């Protein structure tokens, strides 16, 4: 966190001095481009500006993006999704995207993921964990406190005897034909 010294004057930008601990710099008379207007006790406006540290806090984070957009000619042809696959995806995901807008959104998501086919992964081994270069220390697996089963069961909305009752998992939606017949019966 940075330490700020603020000086305010009526209807003018504020001059700031900042000591940035991460940068170990003293910045003088620097203006921020956003102006905040507040009232003082006399009812006139005070303009207050603030500084942001331009030095990145972590030198491992690049200042500029290191990726480049993938051109359309490098990507595979856009995917057309057959209706039976849409039905299967709807049942598995419990989402109804049979509308034109839903299909467009799905096709855009697939097109965005197609960029992964362009990435050159030769000579790169798959990772087991994102922290595989570090030692992960675990604490001892011993019970510290005990005898609180009754208190824990009180936290559950529904219990049977000494067990938690959980809701059922995802139940797939019925197939398209079954849905249409269910809708016809509900209209009657």
Protein backbone atom coordinates (compact mmCIF):
# COMPACT_ATOMS: atom_id res chain seq x y z
CA UNK A 1 0.00 0.00 0.00
CA UNK A 2 1.27 3.46 -0.83
CA UNK A 3 1.43 6.44 1.48
CA UNK A 4 -0.12 9.63 0.06
CA UNK A 5 0.34 13.28 0.94
CA UNK A 6 -2.61 15.32 -0.33
CA UNK A 7 -2.84 19.07 -0.81
CA UNK A 8 -6.13 20.55 -2.02
CA UNK A 9 -6.97 23.91 -3.52
CA UNK A 10 -10.32 25.21 -4.75
CA UNK A 11 -11.19 24.39 -8.38
CA UNK A 12 -7.65 23.25 -9.18
CA UNK A 13 -5.99 19.91 -9.48
CA UNK A 14 -4.26 18.69 -6.38
CA UNK A 15 -0.53 18.23 -6.19
CA UNK A 16 0.47 14.97 -4.64
CA UNK A 17 3.56 13.47 -3.16
CA UNK A 18 3.70 9.74 -2.90
CA UNK A 19 6.10 7.34 -1.29
CA UNK A 20 5.69 3.96 -2.92
CA UNK A 21 7.17 1.21 -0.72
CA UNK A 22 7.32 -1.34 -3.53
CA UNK A 23 9.15 1.11 -5.81
CA UNK A 24 11.09 2.90 -3.05
CA UNK A 25 10.51 6.16 -4.92
CA UNK A 26 9.28 9.59 -3.90
CA UNK A 27 7.09 11.03 -6.64
CA UNK A 28 6.46 14.77 -6.49
CA UNK A 29 3.84 16.98 -8.11
CA UNK A 30 2.23 14.25 -10.19
CA UNK A 31 -1.37 14.51 -11.37
CA UNK A 32 -3.83 11.67 -11.99
CA UNK A 33 -6.18 12.16 -14.94
CA UNK A 34 -9.39 11.46 -12.95
CA UNK A 35 -10.83 14.34 -10.98
CA UNK A 36 -13.05 13.84 -7.92
CA UNK A 37 -15.26 16.74 -6.89
CA UNK A 38 -16.31 17.07 -3.28
CA UNK A 39 -17.89 19.80 -1.16
CA UNK A 40 -16.01 21.48 1.62
CA UNK A 41 -17.69 23.12 4.62
CA UNK A 42 -18.25 26.43 2.81
CA UNK A 43 -20.09 24.65 0.01
CA UNK A 44 -17.52 25.21 -2.74
CA UNK A 45 -16.03 22.39 -4.78
CA UNK A 46 -12.67 20.84 -4.05
CA UNK A 47 -11.00 18.87 -6.81
CA UNK A 48 -8.95 15.97 -5.54
CA UNK A 49 -6.72 13.75 -7.63
CA UNK A 50 -4.83 10.63 -6.72
CA UNK A 51 -1.81 8.70 -7.90
CA UNK A 52 -1.40 5.17 -9.02
CA UNK A 53 1.95 3.48 -8.88
CA UNK A 54 3.15 2.87 -12.42
CA UNK A 55 5.72 0.30 -11.33
CA UNK A 56 4.37 -3.23 -11.30
CA UNK A 57 4.46 -4.88 -7.89
CA UNK A 58 5.84 -8.12 -9.25
CA UNK A 59 8.73 -7.98 -11.74
CA UNK A 60 7.68 -11.37 -13.14
CA UNK A 61 4.47 -9.87 -14.52
CA UNK A 62 5.14 -8.27 -17.92
CA UNK A 63 3.99 -4.70 -18.51
CA UNK A 64 2.80 -5.46 -22.04
CA UNK A 65 0.72 -8.46 -23.13
CA UNK A 66 2.86 -11.28 -24.48
CA UNK A 67 0.18 -12.92 -26.60
CA UNK A 68 -0.83 -12.12 -30.13
CA UNK A 69 -4.31 -12.52 -31.61
CA UNK A 70 -4.77 -15.53 -33.86
CA UNK A 71 -5.81 -14.72 -37.40
CA UNK A 72 -8.95 -16.32 -38.81
CA UNK A 73 -7.09 -18.13 -41.59
CA UNK A 74 -5.08 -20.15 -39.01
CA UNK A 75 -8.22 -21.44 -37.29
CA UNK A 76 -10.14 -24.51 -38.44
CA UNK A 77 -13.42 -24.06 -40.27
CA UNK A 78 -16.30 -22.88 -38.06
CA UNK A 79 -18.25 -25.75 -36.55
CA UNK A 80 -21.89 -26.34 -37.41
CA UNK A 81 -23.67 -28.10 -34.61
CA UNK A 82 -26.20 -30.75 -35.65
CA UNK A 83 -29.61 -30.68 -33.90
CA UNK A 84 -29.13 -34.08 -32.24
CA UNK A 85 -25.90 -32.87 -30.62
CA UNK A 86 -27.71 -29.74 -29.42
CA UNK A 87 -30.36 -31.95 -27.82
CA UNK A 88 -27.71 -34.05 -26.10
CA UNK A 89 -25.85 -30.96 -24.83
CA UNK A 90 -29.11 -29.50 -23.53
CA UNK A 91 -29.90 -32.66 -21.60
CA UNK A 92 -26.40 -32.94 -20.13
CA UNK A 93 -25.98 -29.27 -19.24
CA UNK A 94 -29.59 -28.69 -18.14
CA UNK A 95 -29.58 -25.57 -20.31
CA UNK A 96 -32.03 -24.77 -23.08
CA UNK A 97 -30.16 -23.01 -25.91
CA UNK A 98 -32.25 -24.04 -28.88
CA UNK A 99 -32.91 -20.36 -29.70
CA UNK A 100 -30.98 -18.62 -32.45
CA UNK A 101 -29.15 -16.47 -29.93
CA UNK A 102 -28.22 -19.52 -27.82
CA UNK A 103 -26.83 -21.38 -30.83
CA UNK A 104 -24.81 -18.32 -31.88
CA UNK A 105 -23.36 -18.08 -28.38
CA UNK A 106 -22.42 -21.78 -28.43
CA UNK A 107 -20.79 -21.45 -31.86
CA UNK A 108 -18.80 -18.40 -30.71
CA UNK A 109 -17.59 -20.31 -27.63
CA UNK A 110 -16.45 -23.20 -29.84
CA UNK A 111 -14.74 -20.75 -32.21
CA UNK A 112 -12.94 -19.14 -29.29
CA UNK A 113 -11.74 -22.56 -28.08
CA UNK A 114 -10.51 -23.41 -31.60
CA UNK A 115 -7.52 -21.15 -30.92
CA UNK A 116 -6.09 -23.95 -28.77
CA UNK A 117 -5.52 -26.01 -31.93
CA UNK A 118 -3.03 -23.40 -33.17
CA UNK A 119 -0.81 -23.51 -30.06
CA UNK A 120 2.47 -25.37 -30.64
CA UNK A 121 2.93 -27.81 -27.77
CA UNK A 122 5.79 -29.88 -29.16
CA UNK A 123 8.32 -30.76 -26.47
CA UNK A 124 6.05 -29.64 -23.62
CA UNK A 125 4.98 -32.26 -21.11
CA UNK A 126 1.54 -32.04 -19.52
CA UNK A 127 1.41 -30.64 -16.01
CA UNK A 128 0.13 -32.64 -13.07
CA UNK A 129 -0.40 -29.49 -11.02
CA UNK A 130 0.16 -25.78 -11.45
CA UNK A 131 2.29 -25.93 -8.32
CA UNK A 132 4.44 -28.89 -9.39
CA UNK A 133 7.65 -26.89 -9.00
CA UNK A 134 6.98 -26.28 -5.28
CA UNK A 135 6.91 -28.51 -2.26
CA UNK A 136 3.40 -28.60 -0.85
CA UNK A 137 3.51 -29.01 2.89
CA UNK A 138 0.63 -30.78 4.58
CA UNK A 139 -0.25 -30.68 8.23
CA UNK A 140 -0.70 -33.81 10.28
CA UNK A 141 -4.04 -35.49 9.71
CA UNK A 142 -5.05 -35.77 13.33
CA UNK A 143 -8.29 -34.67 14.92
CA UNK A 144 -7.80 -31.62 17.12
CA UNK A 145 -11.35 -31.12 18.34
CA UNK A 146 -13.97 -33.79 18.61
CA UNK A 147 -17.43 -34.48 19.93
CA UNK A 148 -19.14 -31.80 17.83
CA UNK A 149 -21.31 -34.06 15.63
CA UNK A 150 -24.54 -32.70 17.12
CA UNK A 151 -23.48 -29.11 16.44
CA UNK A 152 -22.58 -29.95 12.84
CA UNK A 153 -25.87 -31.75 12.24
CA UNK A 154 -27.76 -28.67 13.49
CA UNK A 155 -26.22 -26.68 10.62
CA UNK A 156 -27.89 -28.88 8.00
CA UNK A 157 -31.34 -27.98 6.66
CA UNK A 158 -32.38 -31.60 6.45
CA UNK A 159 -31.16 -34.63 8.39
CA UNK A 160 -32.36 -38.19 8.85
CA UNK A 161 -31.21 -39.83 12.07
CA UNK A 162 -27.49 -38.97 12.17
CA UNK A 163 -26.99 -38.32 8.44
CA UNK A 164 -27.07 -35.25 6.21
CA UNK A 165 -29.69 -35.32 3.46
CA UNK A 166 -28.38 -33.90 0.19
CA UNK A 167 -30.44 -33.01 -2.88
CA UNK A 168 -30.29 -35.37 -5.85
CA UNK A 169 -27.67 -34.76 -8.52
CA UNK A 170 -28.34 -33.35 -11.96
CA UNK A 171 -31.23 -35.15 -13.57
CA UNK A 172 -30.95 -34.86 -17.35
CA UNK A 173 -33.74 -33.13 -19.19
CA UNK A 174 -36.06 -35.38 -21.20
CA UNK A 175 -35.40 -35.77 -24.91
CA UNK A 176 -36.90 -33.31 -27.37
CA UNK A 177 -39.80 -35.58 -28.31
CA UNK A 178 -40.62 -36.25 -24.66
CA UNK A 179 -40.50 -32.51 -23.87
CA UNK A 180 -42.84 -31.66 -26.71
CA UNK A 181 -45.32 -34.36 -25.61
CA UNK A 182 -45.09 -33.12 -22.01
CA UNK A 183 -45.83 -29.58 -23.19
CA UNK A 184 -48.85 -30.77 -25.19
CA UNK A 185 -50.24 -32.61 -22.16
CA UNK A 186 -49.71 -29.59 -19.92
CA UNK A 187 -51.63 -27.34 -22.34
CA UNK A 188 -54.68 -29.64 -22.20
